[in-house]
Protein backbone atom coordinates (compact mmCIF):
# COMPACT_ATOMS: atom_id res chain seq x y z
CA MET A 1 -14.07 -10.73 -57.40
CA HIS A 2 -10.32 -11.24 -57.85
CA PRO A 3 -8.56 -12.06 -54.58
CA ARG A 4 -6.12 -9.11 -54.95
CA PHE A 5 -9.09 -6.77 -55.25
CA LEU A 6 -10.74 -8.29 -52.19
CA LEU A 7 -7.57 -7.66 -50.17
CA LEU A 8 -7.53 -4.03 -51.37
CA ALA A 9 -11.16 -3.66 -50.35
CA LEU A 10 -10.43 -4.96 -46.88
CA PHE A 11 -7.46 -2.53 -46.46
CA ILE A 12 -9.68 0.37 -47.58
CA SER A 13 -12.49 -0.54 -45.09
CA LEU A 14 -10.13 -0.86 -42.14
CA PRO A 15 -10.66 1.81 -39.31
CA VAL A 16 -8.14 4.64 -39.37
CA LEU A 17 -5.99 4.92 -36.19
CA ALA A 18 -6.04 8.25 -34.50
CA ALA A 19 -2.29 8.72 -34.72
CA PRO A 20 -0.88 11.02 -37.33
CA ALA A 21 0.66 9.45 -40.50
CA HIS A 22 4.32 10.33 -39.81
CA VAL A 23 5.36 10.23 -36.22
CA HIS A 24 8.84 9.22 -35.09
CA GLY A 25 8.79 6.17 -32.96
CA GLU A 26 5.56 4.93 -34.40
CA ALA A 27 4.73 2.69 -37.24
CA LYS A 28 1.55 1.02 -38.63
CA LEU A 29 0.75 -2.55 -39.58
CA GLU A 30 -2.24 -3.59 -41.65
CA ILE A 31 -2.85 -7.32 -41.40
CA VAL A 32 -5.24 -9.12 -43.75
CA VAL A 33 -6.10 -12.89 -43.52
CA GLU A 34 -8.07 -14.15 -46.54
CA GLY A 35 -8.39 -17.67 -47.91
CA GLU A 36 -4.90 -19.10 -47.77
CA THR A 37 -3.10 -15.74 -47.81
CA LEU A 38 -1.66 -13.65 -45.01
CA VAL A 39 -0.51 -10.05 -45.94
CA ILE A 40 1.09 -7.64 -43.56
CA HIS A 41 1.73 -4.09 -44.68
CA LEU A 42 4.20 -2.02 -42.76
CA ASP A 43 4.30 1.76 -43.02
CA SER A 44 7.04 3.53 -41.02
CA PRO A 45 9.00 6.83 -41.01
CA LEU A 46 12.55 5.96 -42.02
CA ALA A 47 13.85 7.60 -38.80
CA ASN A 48 12.51 4.52 -36.91
CA LEU A 49 14.40 2.18 -39.11
CA LEU A 50 17.49 4.14 -40.01
CA GLY A 51 17.99 7.03 -37.58
CA PHE A 52 17.68 9.53 -40.39
CA GLU A 53 15.11 10.07 -43.18
CA HIS A 54 16.91 11.88 -45.99
CA ALA A 55 18.76 10.66 -48.97
CA PRO A 56 22.00 8.78 -47.63
CA ARG A 57 24.85 11.24 -47.70
CA THR A 58 27.68 9.11 -46.42
CA PRO A 59 28.99 5.62 -47.02
CA ALA A 60 27.85 4.78 -43.39
CA GLU A 61 24.29 5.99 -44.28
CA GLN A 62 24.34 4.00 -47.56
CA GLN A 63 25.42 0.94 -45.69
CA ALA A 64 22.60 1.53 -43.07
CA VAL A 65 20.09 1.54 -45.99
CA LYS A 66 21.38 -1.71 -47.28
CA ALA A 67 21.27 -3.32 -43.74
CA MET A 68 17.73 -2.13 -43.16
CA ALA A 69 16.55 -3.65 -46.51
CA ALA A 70 18.34 -6.84 -45.83
CA THR A 71 16.69 -7.10 -42.35
CA LEU A 72 13.29 -6.35 -43.78
CA ARG A 73 13.57 -9.04 -46.41
CA GLN A 74 14.04 -11.55 -43.59
CA ALA A 75 10.36 -11.40 -42.74
CA GLY A 76 10.53 -14.93 -41.32
CA ARG A 77 12.71 -13.49 -38.45
CA LEU A 78 10.62 -10.38 -38.07
CA PHE A 79 7.29 -12.00 -37.79
CA VAL A 80 6.75 -15.25 -35.90
CA LEU A 81 3.69 -17.21 -37.13
CA ASP A 82 1.99 -20.15 -35.40
CA ALA A 83 3.64 -23.28 -36.88
CA ALA A 84 0.27 -25.11 -37.23
CA ALA A 85 -0.72 -22.61 -40.07
CA ASP A 86 2.07 -24.17 -42.18
CA CYS A 87 2.90 -21.01 -44.11
CA ALA A 88 5.52 -20.91 -46.87
CA ALA A 89 8.38 -18.47 -46.93
CA PRO A 90 7.05 -15.02 -47.44
CA SER A 91 7.51 -12.71 -50.44
CA VAL A 92 8.70 -9.21 -49.59
CA GLU A 93 8.27 -6.00 -51.40
CA LEU A 94 9.85 -2.79 -50.05
CA ALA A 95 9.16 0.76 -51.39
CA SER A 96 11.06 3.91 -50.25
CA PRO A 97 12.87 6.66 -52.15
CA VAL A 98 16.06 5.80 -50.31
CA LEU A 99 15.99 2.32 -51.93
CA ASP A 100 15.68 3.37 -55.52
CA GLY A 101 17.96 6.44 -55.31
CA LYS A 102 15.18 8.93 -55.70
CA ALA A 103 15.32 10.50 -52.27
CA THR A 104 15.66 14.14 -51.97
CA ALA A 105 18.38 15.63 -49.71
CA ASP A 106 15.75 16.70 -47.05
CA GLY A 107 12.36 15.40 -46.23
CA HIS A 108 10.46 13.12 -43.96
CA LEU A 109 10.67 10.00 -45.90
CA ASP A 110 8.86 6.73 -45.11
CA LEU A 111 9.20 3.11 -45.97
CA GLU A 112 6.41 0.78 -47.00
CA ALA A 113 6.85 -2.93 -46.89
CA ASP A 114 4.44 -5.67 -47.98
CA PHE A 115 4.93 -9.34 -46.57
CA ARG A 116 2.78 -12.08 -48.07
CA TRP A 117 2.57 -15.65 -47.01
CA GLN A 118 0.66 -18.57 -48.55
CA CYS A 119 -0.53 -20.79 -45.71
CA HIS A 120 -1.89 -24.37 -45.97
CA HIS A 121 -3.85 -24.17 -42.66
CA LEU A 122 -4.52 -20.40 -42.18
CA PRO A 123 -7.39 -20.86 -39.72
CA ALA A 124 -4.73 -22.27 -37.23
CA LEU A 125 -3.04 -18.85 -37.33
CA ARG A 126 -4.60 -16.98 -34.35
CA GLY A 127 -1.95 -14.13 -34.18
CA ILE A 128 1.48 -12.93 -34.92
CA GLU A 129 4.46 -11.91 -32.83
CA THR A 130 6.75 -9.14 -34.16
CA ARG A 131 10.43 -8.84 -33.61
CA LEU A 132 10.48 -5.41 -35.22
CA PHE A 133 11.23 -3.70 -32.02
CA ALA A 134 14.35 -5.79 -31.48
CA ALA A 135 15.54 -5.26 -35.08
CA PHE A 136 14.79 -1.47 -35.01
CA PRO A 137 15.15 -0.13 -31.47
CA ARG A 138 14.06 3.41 -32.39
CA LEU A 139 10.50 1.94 -32.96
CA LYS A 140 8.35 2.44 -29.76
CA ARG A 141 4.73 1.85 -30.87
CA ILE A 142 3.00 0.07 -33.71
CA GLY A 143 -0.70 0.62 -34.43
CA VAL A 144 -2.29 -2.57 -35.96
CA ASP A 145 -5.44 -2.77 -38.13
CA PHE A 146 -6.63 -6.40 -38.80
CA ALA A 147 -9.14 -7.71 -41.20
CA GLY A 148 -10.03 -11.48 -41.42
CA PRO A 149 -12.85 -13.94 -41.84
CA ALA A 150 -14.23 -13.12 -38.29
CA GLY A 151 -14.14 -9.37 -38.81
CA GLN A 152 -11.88 -6.37 -38.12
CA GLN A 153 -10.03 -5.22 -34.97
CA ALA A 154 -7.35 -2.73 -34.09
CA GLY A 155 -4.62 -2.68 -31.46
CA ARG A 156 -1.23 -1.41 -30.50
CA LEU A 157 2.13 -3.17 -30.08
CA THR A 158 5.05 -2.00 -27.89
CA PRO A 159 8.48 -3.48 -27.03
CA GLU A 160 6.67 -4.99 -24.00
CA VAL A 161 3.62 -6.29 -25.96
CA THR A 162 4.89 -7.87 -29.21
CA ARG A 163 2.01 -10.27 -30.07
CA PHE A 164 -1.25 -9.35 -31.80
CA ALA A 165 -3.82 -12.05 -31.61
CA TRP A 166 -7.24 -12.39 -33.30
C-alpha cells in the first residue's frame, strides 16, 4: 500500500473526540508517525486564530489573515520536536476560505493545516511540544489523536500542558 494511503487509513481509524467540530477556544490535532514521516494535521475555527471567522472586511483583518498564515508556515517554531529524531524542515499546507479569497461575508469558518516532517531517526521522537497557545492566545484547548507504530492514543493539551508524549 502506498504510504500516503496508509497515513489516510490511520487518520480514518483514529477515535473521534467527544467535542463538537466547531467550538471557539478549541482545536484538534491529529498526529501520525509512520516510517520516517511525521504528519500533524490541525483543524481550528478561525476565531481561535484571528479573532473573527468571516471574510476579511478591513485592511486590519486582511493583515491579520496574512500574519496568521505566516505564523502557521513557521511550523518549526510552533512544534518542538526531540532533536534526536533529526527531522528536516517541515512542509506546510494551509487551507481556509479566507486564504484563497473564497470566504463568504458571514459564517463559522475554519482553517486546516498539514505539517509534514521527514525524520532520519523517527523512533527517537517520543512526543511533541506545541507553542500554538503562545502564538494564538484565544486557543484554550487542543484535542489530540495520535497513531503510530505502537498504536493509537488520545489526549488534550492546554496552555498549562503543551507536550503530548507517546
